Protein backbone atom coordinates (compact mmCIF):
# COMPACT_ATOMS: atom_id res chain seq x y z
CA MET A 1 244.70 -22.13 133.88
CA ARG A 2 247.65 -23.95 132.44
CA PRO A 3 246.14 -25.76 129.18
CA GLY A 4 245.83 -29.62 128.92
CA GLY A 5 242.36 -30.37 129.77
CA LEU A 6 241.79 -31.36 126.85
CA LYS A 7 243.28 -33.78 123.95
CA ARG A 8 245.49 -32.21 121.71
CA GLN A 9 244.28 -32.85 117.78
CA GLU A 10 246.92 -32.47 115.24
CA THR A 11 245.04 -32.23 112.17
CA ASP A 12 246.47 -28.67 111.28
CA LEU A 13 243.75 -26.32 111.10
CA ILE A 14 244.94 -23.16 109.40
CA ASN A 15 244.36 -22.94 105.40
CA ALA A 16 247.91 -23.48 103.68
CA ASN A 17 247.13 -20.51 101.41
CA ALA A 18 246.18 -17.80 103.95
CA LEU A 19 248.96 -15.71 103.64
CA SER A 20 248.32 -15.26 99.73
CA LEU A 21 248.17 -11.89 98.68
CA ALA A 22 246.03 -12.70 96.14
CA ALA A 23 243.56 -13.81 97.96
CA LEU A 24 243.73 -10.96 100.24
CA PHE A 25 240.58 -9.59 101.26
CA LEU A 26 242.03 -5.20 101.24
CA SER A 27 243.91 -6.07 97.65
CA SER A 28 244.24 -2.41 95.76
CA ALA A 29 241.90 -3.70 92.87
CA ALA A 30 238.98 -4.37 95.67
CA LEU A 31 239.46 -1.01 97.40
CA GLY A 32 239.17 0.84 94.35
CA GLY A 33 236.83 -0.61 91.87
CA ALA A 34 234.31 -3.34 93.76
CA ALA A 35 231.67 -0.53 94.55
CA ALA A 36 231.24 0.96 90.87
CA GLY A 37 230.44 -2.78 89.72
CA ILE A 38 227.65 -3.31 91.61
CA GLU A 39 224.67 -2.54 89.96
CA ASP A 40 221.70 -4.88 91.53
CA ILE A 41 221.01 -6.04 95.12
CA SER A 42 221.40 -9.61 94.37
CA GLN A 43 224.63 -8.39 92.69
CA LEU A 44 225.64 -8.10 96.77
CA GLU A 45 224.06 -10.99 97.94
CA SER A 46 225.37 -13.53 96.05
CA LEU A 47 229.33 -12.36 98.04
CA ALA A 48 227.54 -12.85 101.25
CA PRO A 49 228.88 -16.55 102.27
CA GLY A 50 225.83 -18.84 102.91
CA PHE A 51 222.88 -16.38 101.52
CA GLY A 52 220.01 -17.28 101.74
CA ASN A 53 220.34 -20.62 104.11
CA SER A 54 219.09 -21.29 107.22
CA PRO A 55 221.31 -19.97 110.47
CA PRO A 56 223.43 -23.02 111.42
CA ALA A 57 223.23 -24.65 115.39
CA ILE A 58 224.86 -23.38 117.87
CA GLY A 59 228.71 -24.63 118.01
CA ARG A 60 228.74 -24.77 114.20
CA ASN A 61 229.32 -21.97 111.63
CA ILE A 62 228.06 -21.31 107.78
CA ASP A 63 230.76 -23.99 106.47
CA GLY A 64 229.59 -26.44 108.96
CA GLY A 65 232.85 -26.53 111.11
CA SER A 66 233.00 -25.95 114.69
CA VAL A 67 233.24 -22.08 116.16
CA PHE A 68 235.62 -23.22 118.94
CA THR A 69 238.46 -24.19 116.09
CA ASN A 70 240.40 -21.60 116.97
CA PHE A 71 240.06 -20.86 120.21
CA PHE A 72 240.87 -25.13 121.21
CA ARG A 73 243.90 -24.18 119.27
CA ALA A 74 244.80 -21.25 121.25
CA TYR A 75 243.91 -23.21 124.23
CA THR A 76 246.54 -26.04 123.29
CA ASP A 77 249.01 -24.70 122.14
CA ARG A 78 249.21 -20.71 124.76
CA GLN A 79 249.59 -19.18 121.85
CA PHE A 80 247.96 -17.74 118.96
CA PHE A 81 248.73 -15.87 115.67
CA VAL A 82 246.17 -13.49 113.08
CA LEU A 83 246.82 -11.28 110.37
CA ASN A 84 245.12 -8.55 110.06
CA SER A 85 244.25 -6.61 106.37
CA VAL A 86 242.39 -2.90 107.35
CA GLN A 87 241.58 0.02 105.77
CA ASN A 88 241.60 2.76 108.05
CA LYS A 89 240.25 6.25 107.07
CA TYR A 90 241.22 9.33 109.02
CA GLU A 91 239.39 11.77 110.40
CA THR A 92 240.58 14.97 107.61
CA PRO A 93 238.49 15.27 104.81
CA GLY A 94 240.10 14.22 101.28
CA THR A 95 243.05 12.10 102.74
CA LYS A 96 244.03 9.14 101.45
CA LEU A 97 243.12 5.78 102.80
CA VAL A 98 245.22 4.07 104.41
CA GLU A 99 245.70 0.05 103.60
CA LEU A 100 247.53 -1.93 105.91
CA ASP A 101 248.59 -5.46 107.12
CA GLN A 102 249.28 -5.91 110.99
CA LEU A 103 250.81 -9.55 112.51
CA MET A 104 249.54 -9.79 115.80
CA TRP A 105 251.18 -12.58 118.16
CA CYS A 106 249.10 -13.43 121.27
CA ALA A 107 250.33 -15.51 124.50
CA ASP A 108 250.31 -15.51 128.20
CA LEU A 109 246.88 -16.26 127.86
CA SER A 110 244.76 -17.06 131.00
CA PHE A 111 241.08 -18.73 130.51
CA THR A 112 238.31 -18.74 132.42
CA ASN A 113 237.37 -21.77 134.81
CA PHE A 114 234.75 -22.95 131.81
CA GLU A 115 236.05 -27.41 132.99
CA ASP A 116 235.52 -26.44 136.81
CA ASP A 117 231.81 -25.48 136.42
CA ASP A 118 232.61 -21.83 136.19
CA VAL A 119 229.28 -20.16 137.81
CA ASP A 120 228.01 -17.25 136.38
CA ALA A 121 226.93 -13.45 138.05
CA SER A 122 223.51 -15.29 138.74
CA GLY A 123 224.71 -18.13 140.61
CA ASP A 124 223.62 -20.38 137.19
CA ALA A 125 226.94 -23.50 136.81
CA SER A 126 224.56 -24.26 133.97
CA VAL A 127 226.30 -21.36 131.46
CA PRO A 128 230.38 -21.88 132.07
CA ILE A 129 231.88 -18.49 130.70
CA MET A 130 234.11 -19.52 127.92
CA GLY A 131 236.93 -17.24 127.26
CA PHE A 132 240.60 -15.70 127.67
CA THR A 133 242.36 -12.39 128.37
CA GLY A 134 246.12 -12.54 127.37
CA HIS A 135 249.03 -10.32 125.76
CA CYS A 136 249.71 -9.79 122.15
CA LEU A 137 252.91 -8.43 119.63
CA TRP A 138 252.20 -6.31 117.09
CA GLY A 139 254.48 -6.12 114.11
CA THR A 140 253.58 -4.43 110.66
CA SER A 141 255.59 -5.82 108.39
CA ILE A 142 253.61 -4.89 105.66
CA THR A 143 252.17 -1.65 104.38
CA ARG A 144 250.81 -0.54 101.41
CA SER A 145 250.61 3.53 101.87
CA THR A 146 252.48 6.66 103.98
CA PHE A 147 250.79 7.38 106.94
CA LEU A 148 251.83 10.54 107.94
CA GLU A 149 249.64 11.88 104.98
CA SER A 150 246.69 10.76 106.41
CA GLY A 151 246.95 11.88 109.46
CA ALA A 152 248.45 9.06 111.55
CA GLN A 153 250.69 9.10 114.46
CA MET A 154 252.86 6.48 113.95
CA SER A 155 255.46 6.83 110.76
CA THR A 156 256.21 4.59 107.96
CA ALA A 157 259.86 3.61 109.22
CA ALA A 158 258.32 2.61 111.98
CA LEU A 159 255.96 0.06 110.53
CA LEU A 160 258.57 -1.26 108.16
CA SER A 161 261.48 -2.23 111.15
CA ASN A 162 259.95 -5.96 110.40
CA GLU A 163 259.81 -6.76 114.17
CA PHE A 164 256.81 -7.11 116.61
CA ASN A 165 256.55 -3.34 118.76
CA ARG A 166 254.33 -2.25 120.11
CA ASP A 167 252.25 -4.52 123.35
CA LEU A 168 248.36 -4.96 123.01
CA SER A 169 246.33 -6.91 125.41
CA VAL A 170 243.25 -8.87 124.52
CA SER A 171 240.21 -11.10 125.47
CA GLY A 172 237.70 -12.80 124.13
CA VAL A 173 234.53 -14.58 125.34
CA PHE A 174 231.77 -16.74 123.92
CA VAL A 175 228.44 -15.73 123.13
CA PRO A 176 225.85 -18.37 122.79
CA GLN A 177 223.65 -15.40 121.11
CA SER A 178 225.76 -14.63 118.30
CA ASN A 179 226.77 -18.12 117.94
CA GLY A 180 230.88 -16.84 118.22
CA PHE A 181 233.97 -15.12 120.88
CA ASP A 182 233.82 -11.74 120.62
CA VAL A 183 237.65 -11.03 121.14
CA ASN A 184 238.91 -7.50 121.73
CA TRP A 185 242.54 -6.25 121.13
CA HIS A 186 243.53 -2.87 122.09
CA ILE A 187 247.13 -0.91 121.87
CA ASN A 188 248.28 -0.21 125.72
CA THR A 189 249.96 2.81 125.10
CA ASP A 190 247.11 3.58 122.85
CA ASN A 191 243.11 4.27 122.36
CA MET A 192 243.31 2.10 119.64
CA ILE A 193 240.79 -0.85 119.29
CA TRP A 194 239.51 -4.08 117.23
CA ARG A 195 236.90 -5.76 117.57
CA MET A 196 235.74 -8.99 115.51
CA LEU A 197 233.52 -12.72 115.98
CA ASP A 198 235.66 -15.48 115.96
CA ASP A 199 233.17 -18.25 114.37
CA GLY A 200 236.10 -20.70 114.09
CA ARG A 201 236.85 -20.32 111.20
CA SER A 202 240.18 -19.50 109.30
CA THR A 203 239.53 -16.17 108.62
CA GLY A 204 236.68 -13.38 109.39
CA GLN A 205 235.71 -10.05 109.77
CA LEU A 206 237.52 -6.88 111.61
CA ILE A 207 236.35 -3.36 112.45
CA GLY A 208 238.74 -1.14 114.33
CA TRP A 209 238.48 2.85 115.66
CA GLU A 210 241.18 5.06 117.82
CA VAL A 211 239.51 8.85 118.81
CA HIS A 212 241.46 11.68 120.53
CA ASP A 213 243.38 11.59 122.48
CA GLU A 214 243.04 15.18 124.71
CA GLY A 215 246.19 16.27 126.13
CA ASP A 216 248.42 14.03 123.41
CA LEU A 217 251.61 15.93 122.40
CA ASN A 218 251.69 14.54 118.85
CA PRO A 219 252.13 16.56 115.74
CA ASN A 220 249.42 14.73 114.61
CA ALA A 221 246.97 14.15 117.81
CA ALA A 222 244.81 15.81 115.95
CA SER A 223 243.95 14.12 112.83
CA SER A 224 244.90 10.81 113.82
CA SER A 225 240.81 9.74 114.86
CA PHE A 226 240.26 6.62 111.98
CA SER A 227 237.75 4.11 111.96
CA SER A 228 239.13 0.94 110.37
CA VAL A 229 237.71 -2.68 108.68
CA GLY A 230 238.89 -5.67 107.03
CA ARG A 231 240.00 -9.38 107.32
CA VAL A 232 241.85 -11.32 110.45
CA GLN A 233 243.39 -14.13 109.20
CA TRP A 234 244.14 -17.17 112.04
CA ILE A 235 247.74 -18.16 111.02
CA SER A 236 250.26 -20.90 111.93
CA ALA A 237 253.82 -19.98 113.87
CA ASN A 238 255.75 -21.15 111.01
CA GLU A 239 253.64 -18.68 108.39
CA THR A 240 254.74 -16.16 111.06
CA ALA A 241 257.57 -16.85 111.03
CA ALA A 242 258.25 -16.74 107.00
CA LEU A 243 256.21 -13.47 107.29
CA MET A 244 258.74 -11.99 110.40
CA ASP A 245 261.74 -12.73 109.16
CA MET A 246 262.19 -15.20 112.02
CA ASP A 247 263.28 -18.63 113.05
CA VAL A 248 260.08 -20.70 114.78
CA THR A 249 262.05 -21.58 117.40
CA GLU A 250 261.78 -18.15 118.35
CA LEU A 251 258.25 -17.82 118.30
CA THR A 252 257.10 -20.73 121.42
CA PRO A 253 255.40 -18.72 124.62
CA GLU A 254 258.11 -19.22 126.80
CA GLN A 255 259.83 -16.58 124.49
CA PHE A 256 256.92 -14.20 124.27
CA MET A 257 257.34 -12.80 127.68
CA PRO A 258 261.10 -11.14 127.51
CA MET A 259 259.57 -9.98 124.08
CA TYR A 260 256.42 -8.41 125.56
CA LYS A 261 258.37 -7.25 128.03
CA LYS A 262 260.98 -5.55 126.14
CA SER A 263 257.94 -3.88 124.57
CA MET A 264 257.42 -1.70 127.08
CA ASP A 265 260.34 -0.06 127.76
């Protein structure tokens, strides 16, 4: 369903400082020494946003905002952009921890008919399925370590190409019990998966993984399984353009499709 049934909000919902590298969750200092400084469980509790508070009402996040903020923006813009900062731990013992910033541009979005009293599997029209599916492009213009040394299948040279060069698929659905959108990405040509709970804030948490592709002929196929954790930041087209050294006019839903098709060649 093409967006248009909801009134466009003009307020910029993205924190202007979202791209500050100093504020990234996965700074080298945080990775290397944070755990060593924790000596009491109360120190961990103090780091948890909203610790000790009552859970927010369904539809509201711990900051008091709407859990539908990012979904609404994607619905009205027909696209969205996220910057993921993650650490990957590969299966081979003793290999270097890989830290990576990755950009995802998602468009070609198809939304469920939640405005039309969508009926769920039980026939109950009072429970609309609020979700979407779509396609994404993946770019890794920022990387902090060499992948091949840790067993990855992708070379650092490929990661530094400063362009959207891999195609993904994405899906998301609002889960009232979780009070957020369960969002999942997977690379179409591999079995790499990332997952997050979107609660409407400009930043959130992310997990990911990859297992073996049996029969894969890549030299690193037997060492490329990994687990991943990190932070996801919802960013604007202007911020994405700055990171990828592109003009913002190139980052529209209309421009997305030719680039997506090219990535599949």
